[in-house]
Amino acid sequence: MTADEIAWTQKLQSLDARRARAFWALDLKVLDGVYVPGSSPWQADRALLSSYRDQQLRVQGLRIQIDKAVITRRTPTSIALKTTDHLTGGQAVDRAGTITRLPPGAPTTRLITLTISRPGQPWRIAAITDA
């Protein structure tokens, strides 16, 4: 990976860490800083997190490893990254404290588009599609 791709991988890792905090805290508002509100991935994660909230099911230690990231398109306010990643850790904790380890995931290749509304604003995920 180039230095630029490493920097964008770190940006994605930071967003993944925020997402993990949302799933531990069951806090829907945290997702607004990860995704563009109203976007397809925002809607999907909000629906999943809402389901977990209803069940009082938290996800602890959610970790996704990014194996590869290649910049495929860039404008001043958006960037598309072709990534290969997989789930490496995490566990579900129910209201009684029962822990269920999440199985490691198989590597998946996706196209992730990040955007900013204007320079200086935080980058957020606008789209995630299979690549």
N, C-alpha and C. Protein backbone atom coordinates (compact mmCIF):
# COMPACT_ATOMS: atom_id res chain seq x y z
N MET A 1 0.85 -1.19 0.00
CA MET A 1 0.00 0.00 0.00
C MET A 1 0.89 1.25 0.00
N THR A 2 0.39 2.27 -0.65
CA THR A 2 1.11 3.55 -0.65
C THR A 2 0.86 4.26 0.68
N ALA A 3 1.64 5.30 0.94
CA ALA A 3 1.45 6.08 2.16
C ALA A 3 0.04 6.66 2.21
N ASP A 4 -0.47 7.10 1.06
CA ASP A 4 -1.82 7.66 1.00
C ASP A 4 -2.87 6.60 1.33
N GLU A 5 -2.68 5.40 0.79
CA GLU A 5 -3.63 4.31 1.08
C GLU A 5 -3.56 3.89 2.54
N ILE A 6 -2.37 3.93 3.11
CA ILE A 6 -2.24 3.63 4.54
C ILE A 6 -3.00 4.67 5.36
N ALA A 7 -2.88 5.93 4.99
CA ALA A 7 -3.59 7.00 5.72
C ALA A 7 -5.11 6.80 5.62
N TRP A 8 -5.61 6.43 4.46
CA TRP A 8 -7.05 6.19 4.31
C TRP A 8 -7.49 4.92 5.04
N THR A 9 -6.61 3.93 5.09
CA THR A 9 -6.91 2.73 5.88
C THR A 9 -7.05 3.11 7.35
N GLN A 10 -6.18 3.96 7.83
CA GLN A 10 -6.27 4.42 9.22
C GLN A 10 -7.57 5.20 9.46
N LYS A 11 -8.00 5.98 8.47
CA LYS A 11 -9.28 6.70 8.57
C LYS A 11 -10.43 5.69 8.70
N LEU A 12 -10.41 4.66 7.87
CA LEU A 12 -11.45 3.63 7.96
C LEU A 12 -11.41 2.91 9.30
N GLN A 13 -10.21 2.63 9.80
CA GLN A 13 -10.07 1.98 11.11
C GLN A 13 -10.65 2.86 12.21
N SER A 14 -10.45 4.16 12.11
CA SER A 14 -11.01 5.09 13.08
C SER A 14 -12.54 5.07 13.03
N LEU A 15 -13.09 5.05 11.82
CA LEU A 15 -14.55 4.98 11.69
C LEU A 15 -15.08 3.64 12.21
N ASP A 16 -14.35 2.55 11.96
CA ASP A 16 -14.75 1.24 12.49
C ASP A 16 -14.74 1.25 14.01
N ALA A 17 -13.76 1.93 14.62
CA ALA A 17 -13.70 2.00 16.08
C ALA A 17 -14.91 2.78 16.63
N ARG A 18 -15.30 3.84 15.94
CA ARG A 18 -16.50 4.60 16.37
C ARG A 18 -17.74 3.73 16.26
N ARG A 19 -17.83 2.99 15.16
CA ARG A 19 -18.96 2.08 14.96
C ARG A 19 -19.00 1.04 16.08
N ALA A 20 -17.84 0.50 16.44
CA ALA A 20 -17.77 -0.48 17.52
C ALA A 20 -18.28 0.13 18.83
N ARG A 21 -17.93 1.39 19.09
CA ARG A 21 -18.42 2.06 20.30
C ARG A 21 -19.94 2.18 20.28
N ALA A 22 -20.49 2.47 19.10
CA ALA A 22 -21.95 2.59 18.98
C ALA A 22 -22.62 1.26 19.33
N PHE A 23 -22.05 0.16 18.89
CA PHE A 23 -22.65 -1.15 19.14
C PHE A 23 -22.44 -1.59 20.58
N TRP A 24 -21.43 -1.09 21.25
CA TRP A 24 -21.27 -1.40 22.67
C TRP A 24 -22.21 -0.54 23.51
N ALA A 25 -22.30 0.74 23.17
CA ALA A 25 -23.12 1.68 23.94
C ALA A 25 -24.59 1.65 23.51
N LEU A 26 -24.90 0.96 22.41
CA LEU A 26 -26.25 0.95 21.84
C LEU A 26 -26.72 2.37 21.55
N ASP A 27 -25.80 3.17 21.01
CA ASP A 27 -26.04 4.60 20.79
C ASP A 27 -26.17 4.90 19.29
N LEU A 28 -27.40 5.11 18.86
CA LEU A 28 -27.67 5.38 17.44
C LEU A 28 -27.00 6.66 16.96
N LYS A 29 -26.89 7.67 17.81
CA LYS A 29 -26.33 8.96 17.39
C LYS A 29 -24.86 8.84 16.97
N VAL A 30 -24.14 7.90 17.55
CA VAL A 30 -22.73 7.72 17.18
C VAL A 30 -22.60 7.37 15.70
N LEU A 31 -23.59 6.66 15.16
CA LEU A 31 -23.53 6.27 13.75
C LEU A 31 -23.58 7.48 12.82
N ASP A 32 -24.14 8.60 13.29
CA ASP A 32 -24.19 9.83 12.47
C ASP A 32 -22.79 10.36 12.18
N GLY A 33 -21.82 10.04 13.00
CA GLY A 33 -20.45 10.46 12.76
C GLY A 33 -19.65 9.46 11.94
N VAL A 34 -20.24 8.28 11.72
CA VAL A 34 -19.58 7.24 10.93
C VAL A 34 -20.06 7.28 9.48
N TYR A 35 -21.37 7.43 9.34
CA TYR A 35 -22.02 7.38 8.02
C TYR A 35 -22.68 8.71 7.70
N VAL A 36 -22.89 8.94 6.42
CA VAL A 36 -23.70 10.07 5.99
C VAL A 36 -25.14 9.73 6.37
N PRO A 37 -25.78 10.54 7.24
CA PRO A 37 -27.16 10.24 7.63
C PRO A 37 -28.07 10.12 6.40
N GLY A 38 -28.87 9.07 6.41
CA GLY A 38 -29.78 8.79 5.31
C GLY A 38 -29.20 7.85 4.27
N SER A 39 -27.88 7.63 4.30
CA SER A 39 -27.25 6.74 3.33
C SER A 39 -27.67 5.29 3.60
N SER A 40 -27.48 4.45 2.62
CA SER A 40 -27.84 3.04 2.75
C SER A 40 -27.11 2.34 3.91
N PRO A 41 -25.78 2.51 4.06
CA PRO A 41 -25.13 1.84 5.20
C PRO A 41 -25.57 2.41 6.55
N TRP A 42 -25.90 3.70 6.60
CA TRP A 42 -26.41 4.32 7.83
C TRP A 42 -27.75 3.68 8.19
N GLN A 43 -28.63 3.53 7.21
CA GLN A 43 -29.94 2.93 7.46
C GLN A 43 -29.80 1.49 7.93
N ALA A 44 -28.91 0.73 7.27
CA ALA A 44 -28.72 -0.68 7.63
C ALA A 44 -28.19 -0.83 9.06
N ASP A 45 -27.17 -0.04 9.41
CA ASP A 45 -26.61 -0.14 10.76
C ASP A 45 -27.57 0.37 11.82
N ARG A 46 -28.34 1.41 11.50
CA ARG A 46 -29.35 1.90 12.46
C ARG A 46 -30.41 0.83 12.72
N ALA A 47 -30.83 0.14 11.67
CA ALA A 47 -31.83 -0.92 11.83
C ALA A 47 -31.26 -2.06 12.69
N LEU A 48 -30.02 -2.46 12.40
CA LEU A 48 -29.39 -3.52 13.18
C LEU A 48 -29.19 -3.10 14.62
N LEU A 49 -28.68 -1.89 14.84
CA LEU A 49 -28.45 -1.41 16.19
C LEU A 49 -29.77 -1.24 16.95
N SER A 50 -30.80 -0.80 16.28
CA SER A 50 -32.12 -0.69 16.92
C SER A 50 -32.62 -2.05 17.37
N SER A 51 -32.41 -3.07 16.54
CA SER A 51 -32.79 -4.43 16.90
C SER A 51 -32.01 -4.89 18.14
N TYR A 52 -30.72 -4.59 18.16
CA TYR A 52 -29.90 -4.96 19.32
C TYR A 52 -30.36 -4.21 20.57
N ARG A 53 -30.72 -2.95 20.42
CA ARG A 53 -31.23 -2.18 21.57
C ARG A 53 -32.49 -2.81 22.12
N ASP A 54 -33.39 -3.20 21.23
CA ASP A 54 -34.64 -3.84 21.67
C ASP A 54 -34.36 -5.12 22.45
N GLN A 55 -33.32 -5.83 22.05
CA GLN A 55 -32.96 -7.10 22.72
C GLN A 55 -32.00 -6.89 23.89
N GLN A 56 -31.55 -5.64 24.08
CA GLN A 56 -30.52 -5.32 25.06
C GLN A 56 -29.29 -6.20 24.85
N LEU A 57 -28.88 -6.28 23.60
CA LEU A 57 -27.73 -7.07 23.18
C LEU A 57 -26.63 -6.12 22.73
N ARG A 58 -25.50 -6.16 23.43
CA ARG A 58 -24.38 -5.30 23.11
C ARG A 58 -23.29 -6.11 22.41
N VAL A 59 -22.49 -5.43 21.60
CA VAL A 59 -21.35 -6.08 20.96
C VAL A 59 -20.09 -5.45 21.54
N GLN A 60 -19.28 -6.28 22.13
CA GLN A 60 -18.06 -5.83 22.78
C GLN A 60 -16.85 -6.24 21.95
N GLY A 61 -15.89 -5.33 21.83
CA GLY A 61 -14.62 -5.65 21.18
C GLY A 61 -14.73 -5.93 19.70
N LEU A 62 -15.70 -5.31 19.03
CA LEU A 62 -15.86 -5.52 17.59
C LEU A 62 -14.62 -5.02 16.86
N ARG A 63 -13.97 -5.92 16.11
CA ARG A 63 -12.75 -5.55 15.38
C ARG A 63 -12.82 -6.06 13.95
N ILE A 64 -12.55 -5.17 13.04
CA ILE A 64 -12.49 -5.52 11.63
C ILE A 64 -11.08 -5.20 11.14
N GLN A 65 -10.45 -6.17 10.54
CA GLN A 65 -9.10 -5.99 10.01
C GLN A 65 -9.20 -5.65 8.53
N ILE A 66 -8.54 -4.57 8.14
CA ILE A 66 -8.49 -4.17 6.74
C ILE A 66 -7.18 -4.73 6.16
N ASP A 67 -7.31 -5.70 5.28
CA ASP A 67 -6.14 -6.35 4.70
C ASP A 67 -5.55 -5.56 3.54
N LYS A 68 -6.42 -4.86 2.82
CA LYS A 68 -5.97 -4.15 1.63
C LYS A 68 -6.92 -2.99 1.37
N ALA A 69 -6.36 -1.88 0.90
CA ALA A 69 -7.17 -0.72 0.50
C ALA A 69 -6.48 -0.04 -0.67
N VAL A 70 -7.23 0.11 -1.76
CA VAL A 70 -6.71 0.74 -2.96
C VAL A 70 -7.64 1.89 -3.34
N ILE A 71 -7.08 3.06 -3.57
CA ILE A 71 -7.88 4.21 -3.98
C ILE A 71 -8.28 4.01 -5.44
N THR A 72 -9.59 4.07 -5.71
CA THR A 72 -10.07 3.87 -7.09
C THR A 72 -10.59 5.16 -7.71
N ARG A 73 -10.96 6.12 -6.88
CA ARG A 73 -11.48 7.39 -7.39
C ARG A 73 -11.34 8.43 -6.29
N ARG A 74 -11.07 9.67 -6.71
CA ARG A 74 -10.92 10.74 -5.72
C ARG A 74 -11.36 12.06 -6.33
N THR A 75 -12.11 12.82 -5.53
CA THR A 75 -12.46 14.21 -5.86
C THR A 75 -12.13 15.01 -4.61
N PRO A 76 -12.27 16.33 -4.64
CA PRO A 76 -12.00 17.10 -3.42
C PRO A 76 -12.92 16.75 -2.24
N THR A 77 -14.11 16.20 -2.53
CA THR A 77 -15.05 15.91 -1.44
C THR A 77 -15.45 14.44 -1.33
N SER A 78 -14.79 13.56 -2.10
CA SER A 78 -15.10 12.13 -1.97
C SER A 78 -13.89 11.29 -2.37
N ILE A 79 -13.89 10.08 -1.84
CA ILE A 79 -12.85 9.11 -2.20
C ILE A 79 -13.49 7.73 -2.17
N ALA A 80 -13.14 6.91 -3.14
CA ALA A 80 -13.62 5.53 -3.19
C ALA A 80 -12.42 4.61 -2.97
N LEU A 81 -12.60 3.67 -2.06
CA LEU A 81 -11.55 2.72 -1.73
C LEU A 81 -12.05 1.30 -1.96
N LYS A 82 -11.29 0.54 -2.70
CA LYS A 82 -11.59 -0.89 -2.84
C LYS A 82 -10.85 -1.58 -1.72
N THR A 83 -11.60 -2.15 -0.79
CA THR A 83 -11.00 -2.74 0.40
C THR A 83 -11.28 -4.23 0.47
N THR A 84 -10.38 -4.91 1.13
CA THR A 84 -10.62 -6.30 1.52
C THR A 84 -10.45 -6.32 3.03
N ASP A 85 -11.49 -6.78 3.72
CA ASP A 85 -11.47 -6.79 5.18
C ASP A 85 -12.20 -8.01 5.70
N HIS A 86 -12.06 -8.23 7.00
CA HIS A 86 -12.79 -9.32 7.63
C HIS A 86 -12.89 -9.08 9.14
N LEU A 87 -13.93 -9.64 9.72
CA LEU A 87 -14.15 -9.56 11.16
C LEU A 87 -13.11 -10.43 11.86
N THR A 88 -12.43 -9.84 12.84
CA THR A 88 -11.41 -10.60 13.57
C THR A 88 -11.74 -10.80 15.03
N GLY A 89 -12.71 -10.05 15.55
CA GLY A 89 -13.01 -10.20 16.96
C GLY A 89 -14.31 -9.53 17.35
N GLY A 90 -14.80 -9.98 18.46
CA GLY A 90 -16.01 -9.39 19.02
C GLY A 90 -16.82 -10.45 19.72
N GLN A 91 -17.68 -9.98 20.60
CA GLN A 91 -18.56 -10.89 21.30
C GLN A 91 -19.86 -10.18 21.62
N ALA A 92 -20.94 -10.93 21.53
CA ALA A 92 -22.25 -10.41 21.89
C ALA A 92 -22.47 -10.66 23.37
N VAL A 93 -23.01 -9.65 24.06
CA VAL A 93 -23.29 -9.77 25.49
C VAL A 93 -24.77 -9.45 25.68
N ASP A 94 -25.53 -10.43 26.16
CA ASP A 94 -26.96 -10.20 26.34
C ASP A 94 -27.24 -9.58 27.70
N ARG A 95 -28.51 -9.28 27.95
CA ARG A 95 -28.89 -8.57 29.19
C ARG A 95 -28.53 -9.35 30.45
N ALA A 96 -28.40 -10.68 30.37
CA ALA A 96 -28.04 -11.49 31.53
C ALA A 96 -26.51 -11.60 31.69
N GLY A 97 -25.77 -11.03 30.74
CA GLY A 97 -24.32 -11.09 30.81
C GLY A 97 -23.72 -12.29 30.10
N THR A 98 -24.56 -13.07 29.43
CA THR A 98 -24.07 -14.22 28.67
C THR A 98 -23.28 -13.72 27.46
N ILE A 99 -22.10 -14.29 27.28
CA ILE A 99 -21.21 -13.87 26.21
C ILE A 99 -21.20 -14.92 25.10
N THR A 100 -21.35 -14.46 23.88
CA THR A 100 -21.26 -15.32 22.71
C THR A 100 -20.21 -14.72 21.77
N ARG A 101 -19.15 -15.46 21.54
CA ARG A 101 -18.08 -14.97 20.66
C ARG A 101 -18.58 -14.94 19.22
N LEU A 102 -18.24 -13.88 18.51
CA LEU A 102 -18.57 -13.78 17.10
C LEU A 102 -17.51 -14.55 16.31
N PRO A 103 -17.92 -15.37 15.37
CA PRO A 103 -16.93 -16.12 14.59
C PRO A 103 -16.17 -15.20 13.65
N PRO A 104 -14.89 -15.50 13.42
CA PRO A 104 -14.13 -14.68 12.46
C PRO A 104 -14.81 -14.74 11.09
N GLY A 105 -14.72 -13.64 10.38
CA GLY A 105 -15.35 -13.58 9.07
C GLY A 105 -14.37 -13.88 7.96
N ALA A 106 -14.92 -14.29 6.84
CA ALA A 106 -14.10 -14.51 5.65
C ALA A 106 -13.78 -13.16 5.02
N PRO A 107 -12.63 -13.04 4.38
CA PRO A 107 -12.31 -11.77 3.71
C PRO A 107 -13.37 -11.41 2.67
N THR A 108 -13.75 -10.14 2.67
CA THR A 108 -14.75 -9.63 1.74
C THR A 108 -14.19 -8.38 1.07
N THR A 109 -14.40 -8.28 -0.22
CA THR A 109 -13.94 -7.11 -0.96
C THR A 109 -15.13 -6.21 -1.23
N ARG A 110 -14.97 -4.93 -0.89
CA ARG A 110 -16.03 -3.95 -1.03
C ARG A 110 -15.47 -2.65 -1.60
N LEU A 111 -16.38 -1.86 -2.14
CA LEU A 111 -16.04 -0.51 -2.56
C LEU A 111 -16.70 0.42 -1.54
N ILE A 112 -15.87 1.17 -0.81
CA ILE A 112 -16.35 2.07 0.23
C ILE A 112 -16.11 3.50 -0.24
N THR A 113 -17.17 4.30 -0.25
CA THR A 113 -17.05 5.70 -0.64
C THR A 113 -17.22 6.58 0.59
N LEU A 114 -16.23 7.43 0.83
CA LEU A 114 -16.28 8.39 1.92
C LEU A 114 -16.48 9.78 1.33
N THR A 115 -17.20 10.63 2.05
CA THR A 115 -17.42 11.99 1.57
C THR A 115 -17.30 12.98 2.72
N ILE A 116 -17.11 14.23 2.33
CA ILE A 116 -17.19 15.35 3.26
C ILE A 116 -18.11 16.38 2.60
N SER A 117 -18.81 17.14 3.43
CA SER A 117 -19.71 18.15 2.87
C SER A 117 -18.92 19.36 2.37
N ARG A 118 -17.81 19.64 3.04
CA ARG A 118 -16.92 20.71 2.60
C ARG A 118 -15.56 20.49 3.28
N PRO A 119 -14.49 21.02 2.72
CA PRO A 119 -13.16 20.82 3.31
C PRO A 119 -13.15 21.21 4.79
N GLY A 120 -12.45 20.42 5.57
CA GLY A 120 -12.35 20.67 7.00
C GLY A 120 -13.39 19.92 7.83
N GLN A 121 -14.41 19.40 7.17
CA GLN A 121 -15.44 18.62 7.87
C GLN A 121 -14.94 17.17 8.01
N PRO A 122 -15.52 16.41 8.92
CA PRO A 122 -15.09 15.02 9.07
C PRO A 122 -15.56 14.15 7.90
N TRP A 123 -14.74 13.20 7.53
CA TRP A 123 -15.09 12.24 6.49
C TRP A 123 -16.07 11.22 7.07
N ARG A 124 -17.06 10.86 6.27
CA ARG A 124 -18.02 9.83 6.68
C ARG A 124 -18.29 8.90 5.50
N ILE A 125 -18.72 7.72 5.81
CA ILE A 125 -19.02 6.71 4.78
C ILE A 125 -20.36 7.04 4.15
N ALA A 126 -20.36 7.13 2.82
CA ALA A 126 -21.60 7.43 2.07
C ALA A 126 -22.18 6.19 1.42
N ALA A 127 -21.32 5.24 1.06
CA ALA A 127 -21.80 4.04 0.36
C ALA A 127 -20.83 2.89 0.59
N ILE A 128 -21.38 1.69 0.63
CA ILE A 128 -20.61 0.46 0.69
C ILE A 128 -21.26 -0.50 -0.28
N THR A 129 -20.52 -0.95 -1.27
CA THR A 129 -21.06 -1.90 -2.24
C THR A 129 -20.07 -3.04 -2.42
N ASP A 130 -20.58 -4.17 -2.87
CA ASP A 130 -19.68 -5.29 -3.17
C ASP A 130 -18.84 -4.92 -4.39
N ALA A 131 -17.60 -5.33 -4.34
CA ALA A 131 -16.70 -5.02 -5.47
C ALA A 131 -16.40 -6.26 -6.27
